[in-house]
Amino acid sequence: MNKIRYILYLNPPRPTFMQDMTDDERKIMQQHIVYWTDYMNKGMVIAFGPVLDPQGGYGLGIIEVENEQQMQDMIANDPANGLNKYEYYLMKAVTPK
């Protein structure tokens, strides 16, 4: 089956989140990193991480799945879901064969 790719945006609760997250928020974000690293190790995440935009940082991921429901489930089960908001868009990625 052909895989489809999505670009995933993690929109933090405030523009200064990366600089001033609380201890509880930091724990959630550490769990978030473990969660997405597991998917990376399974080959479902091509890349992910923070984008250090001077206007306010955000998270970005390139996700490779079999269908949109799988993408939605990954977001729903992310430990940081609820703290952050997510957007995702279909990506016509150019990848090696």
C-alpha atoms as a PDB file:
ATOM      1  CA  MET A   1       0.000   0.000   0.000  1.00  0.00           C
ATOM      2  CA  ASN A   2       1.234   3.497  -0.809  1.00  0.00           C
ATOM      3  CA  LYS A   3       1.969   5.699   2.159  1.00  0.00           C
ATOM      4  CA  ILE A   4       0.702   9.248   2.384  1.00  0.00           C
ATOM      5  CA  ARG A   5       2.524  12.071   4.084  1.00  0.00           C
ATOM      6  CA  TYR A   6       1.278  14.892   6.236  1.00  0.00           C
ATOM      7  CA  ILE A   7       2.924  17.979   7.587  1.00  0.00           C
ATOM      8  CA  LEU A   8       1.951  18.327  11.236  1.00  0.00           C
ATOM      9  CA  TYR A   9       2.002  21.638  13.102  1.00  0.00           C
ATOM     10  CA  LEU A  10       2.033  21.725  16.878  1.00  0.00           C
ATOM     11  CA  ASN A  11       0.697  25.095  17.973  1.00  0.00           C
ATOM     12  CA  PRO A  12       1.762  25.795  21.576  1.00  0.00           C
ATOM     13  CA  PRO A  13      -0.530  27.457  24.099  1.00  0.00           C
ATOM     14  CA  ARG A  14       1.407  30.750  23.918  1.00  0.00           C
ATOM     15  CA  PRO A  15       4.168  32.280  21.750  1.00  0.00           C
ATOM     16  CA  THR A  16       6.689  32.163  24.610  1.00  0.00           C
ATOM     17  CA  PHE A  17       5.996  28.516  25.469  1.00  0.00           C
ATOM     18  CA  MET A  18       9.483  27.255  24.574  1.00  0.00           C
ATOM     19  CA  GLN A  19      11.078  29.788  26.918  1.00  0.00           C
ATOM     20  CA  ASP A  20       8.669  29.730  29.860  1.00  0.00           C
ATOM     21  CA  MET A  21       6.954  26.347  30.099  1.00  0.00           C
ATOM     22  CA  THR A  22       6.143  25.244  33.630  1.00  0.00           C
ATOM     23  CA  ASP A  23       7.608  22.113  35.207  1.00  0.00           C
ATOM     24  CA  ASP A  24       4.336  20.259  34.509  1.00  0.00           C
ATOM     25  CA  GLU A  25       4.325  21.409  30.875  1.00  0.00           C
ATOM     26  CA  ARG A  26       7.966  20.349  30.510  1.00  0.00           C
ATOM     27  CA  LYS A  27       7.109  16.834  31.780  1.00  0.00           C
ATOM     28  CA  ILE A  28       4.280  16.591  29.246  1.00  0.00           C
ATOM     29  CA  MET A  29       6.575  17.733  26.454  1.00  0.00           C
ATOM     30  CA  GLN A  30       9.202  15.162  27.466  1.00  0.00           C
ATOM     31  CA  GLN A  31       6.510  12.462  27.171  1.00  0.00           C
ATOM     32  CA  HIS A  32       5.556  13.986  23.805  1.00  0.00           C
ATOM     33  CA  ILE A  33       9.145  13.580  22.555  1.00  0.00           C
ATOM     34  CA  VAL A  34       9.246   9.924  23.652  1.00  0.00           C
ATOM     35  CA  TYR A  35       5.866   9.325  21.975  1.00  0.00           C
ATOM     36  CA  TRP A  36       6.898  10.722  18.565  1.00  0.00           C
ATOM     37  CA  THR A  37      10.387   9.166  18.771  1.00  0.00           C
ATOM     38  CA  ASP A  38       8.710   5.756  19.017  1.00  0.00           C
ATOM     39  CA  TYR A  39       6.855   6.471  15.756  1.00  0.00           C
ATOM     40  CA  MET A  40      10.114   7.657  14.196  1.00  0.00           C
ATOM     41  CA  ASN A  41      11.762   4.378  15.168  1.00  0.00           C
ATOM     42  CA  LYS A  42       8.850   2.574  13.470  1.00  0.00           C
ATOM     43  CA  GLY A  43       9.418   4.554  10.258  1.00  0.00           C
ATOM     44  CA  MET A  44       6.185   6.541  10.504  1.00  0.00           C
ATOM     45  CA  VAL A  45       7.803   9.880  11.327  1.00  0.00           C
ATOM     46  CA  ILE A  46      10.353  11.232   8.880  1.00  0.00           C
ATOM     47  CA  ALA A  47      11.311  14.255  11.004  1.00  0.00           C
ATOM     48  CA  PHE A  48       9.946  16.242  13.926  1.00  0.00           C
ATOM     49  CA  GLY A  49      11.025  18.944  16.301  1.00  0.00           C
ATOM     50  CA  PRO A  50      10.720  22.553  17.394  1.00  0.00           C
ATOM     51  CA  VAL A  51      10.949  25.413  14.930  1.00  0.00           C
ATOM     52  CA  LEU A  52      12.712  28.372  16.534  1.00  0.00           C
ATOM     53  CA  ASP A  53      10.668  31.120  14.890  1.00  0.00           C
ATOM     54  CA  PRO A  54      11.479  34.520  16.484  1.00  0.00           C
ATOM     55  CA  GLN A  55       7.763  35.363  16.296  1.00  0.00           C
ATOM     56  CA  GLY A  56       6.943  32.341  18.465  1.00  0.00           C
ATOM     57  CA  GLY A  57       8.173  28.792  18.222  1.00  0.00           C
ATOM     58  CA  TYR A  58       6.064  25.827  17.160  1.00  0.00           C
ATOM     59  CA  GLY A  59       6.502  22.142  16.468  1.00  0.00           C
ATOM     60  CA  LEU A  60       6.686  20.575  13.039  1.00  0.00           C
ATOM     61  CA  GLY A  61       6.597  16.981  11.887  1.00  0.00           C
ATOM     62  CA  ILE A  62       6.566  15.062   8.633  1.00  0.00           C
ATOM     63  CA  ILE A  63       4.447  11.986   9.150  1.00  0.00           C
ATOM     64  CA  GLU A  64       4.047   8.979   6.833  1.00  0.00           C
ATOM     65  CA  VAL A  65       0.915   6.884   7.329  1.00  0.00           C
ATOM     66  CA  GLU A  66      -1.478   4.663   5.435  1.00  0.00           C
ATOM     67  CA  ASN A  67      -4.561   6.859   5.899  1.00  0.00           C
ATOM     68  CA  GLU A  68      -5.853  10.032   7.510  1.00  0.00           C
ATOM     69  CA  GLN A  69      -7.458   8.172  10.411  1.00  0.00           C
ATOM     70  CA  GLN A  70      -4.033   6.906  11.435  1.00  0.00           C
ATOM     71  CA  MET A  71      -2.788  10.521  11.506  1.00  0.00           C
ATOM     72  CA  GLN A  72      -5.773  11.570  13.618  1.00  0.00           C
ATOM     73  CA  ASP A  73      -5.198   8.688  16.049  1.00  0.00           C
ATOM     74  CA  MET A  74      -1.550   9.627  16.458  1.00  0.00           C
ATOM     75  CA  ILE A  75      -2.542  13.179  17.383  1.00  0.00           C
ATOM     76  CA  ALA A  76      -5.352  12.045  19.693  1.00  0.00           C
ATOM     77  CA  ASN A  77      -2.995   9.800  21.674  1.00  0.00           C
ATOM     78  CA  ASP A  78      -0.136  12.291  21.961  1.00  0.00           C
ATOM     79  CA  PRO A  79       0.481  13.096  25.660  1.00  0.00           C
ATOM     80  CA  ALA A  80       0.756  16.785  24.676  1.00  0.00           C
ATOM     81  CA  ASN A  81      -2.667  16.823  22.990  1.00  0.00           C
ATOM     82  CA  GLY A  82      -4.806  19.254  24.961  1.00  0.00           C
ATOM     83  CA  LEU A  83      -1.838  21.333  26.048  1.00  0.00           C
ATOM     84  CA  ASN A  84      -1.123  22.095  22.382  1.00  0.00           C
ATOM     85  CA  LYS A  85      -3.359  22.383  19.336  1.00  0.00           C
ATOM     86  CA  TYR A  86      -2.595  20.548  16.115  1.00  0.00           C
ATOM     87  CA  GLU A  87      -3.066  21.193  12.427  1.00  0.00           C
ATOM     88  CA  TYR A  88      -2.108  18.782   9.669  1.00  0.00           C
ATOM     89  CA  TYR A  89      -2.092  19.008   5.914  1.00  0.00           C
ATOM     90  CA  LEU A  90      -1.537  16.518   3.131  1.00  0.00           C
ATOM     91  CA  MET A  91       1.987  16.828   1.771  1.00  0.00           C
ATOM     92  CA  LYS A  92       3.053  15.792  -1.702  1.00  0.00           C
ATOM     93  CA  ALA A  93       6.567  14.993  -0.512  1.00  0.00           C
ATOM     94  CA  VAL A  94       9.363  14.110  -2.847  1.00  0.00           C
ATOM     95  CA  THR A  95      11.147  11.139  -1.313  1.00  0.00           C
ATOM     96  CA  PRO A  96      13.763   8.638  -2.468  1.00  0.00           C
ATOM     97  CA  LYS A  97      12.447   5.530  -4.170  1.00  0.00           C
END
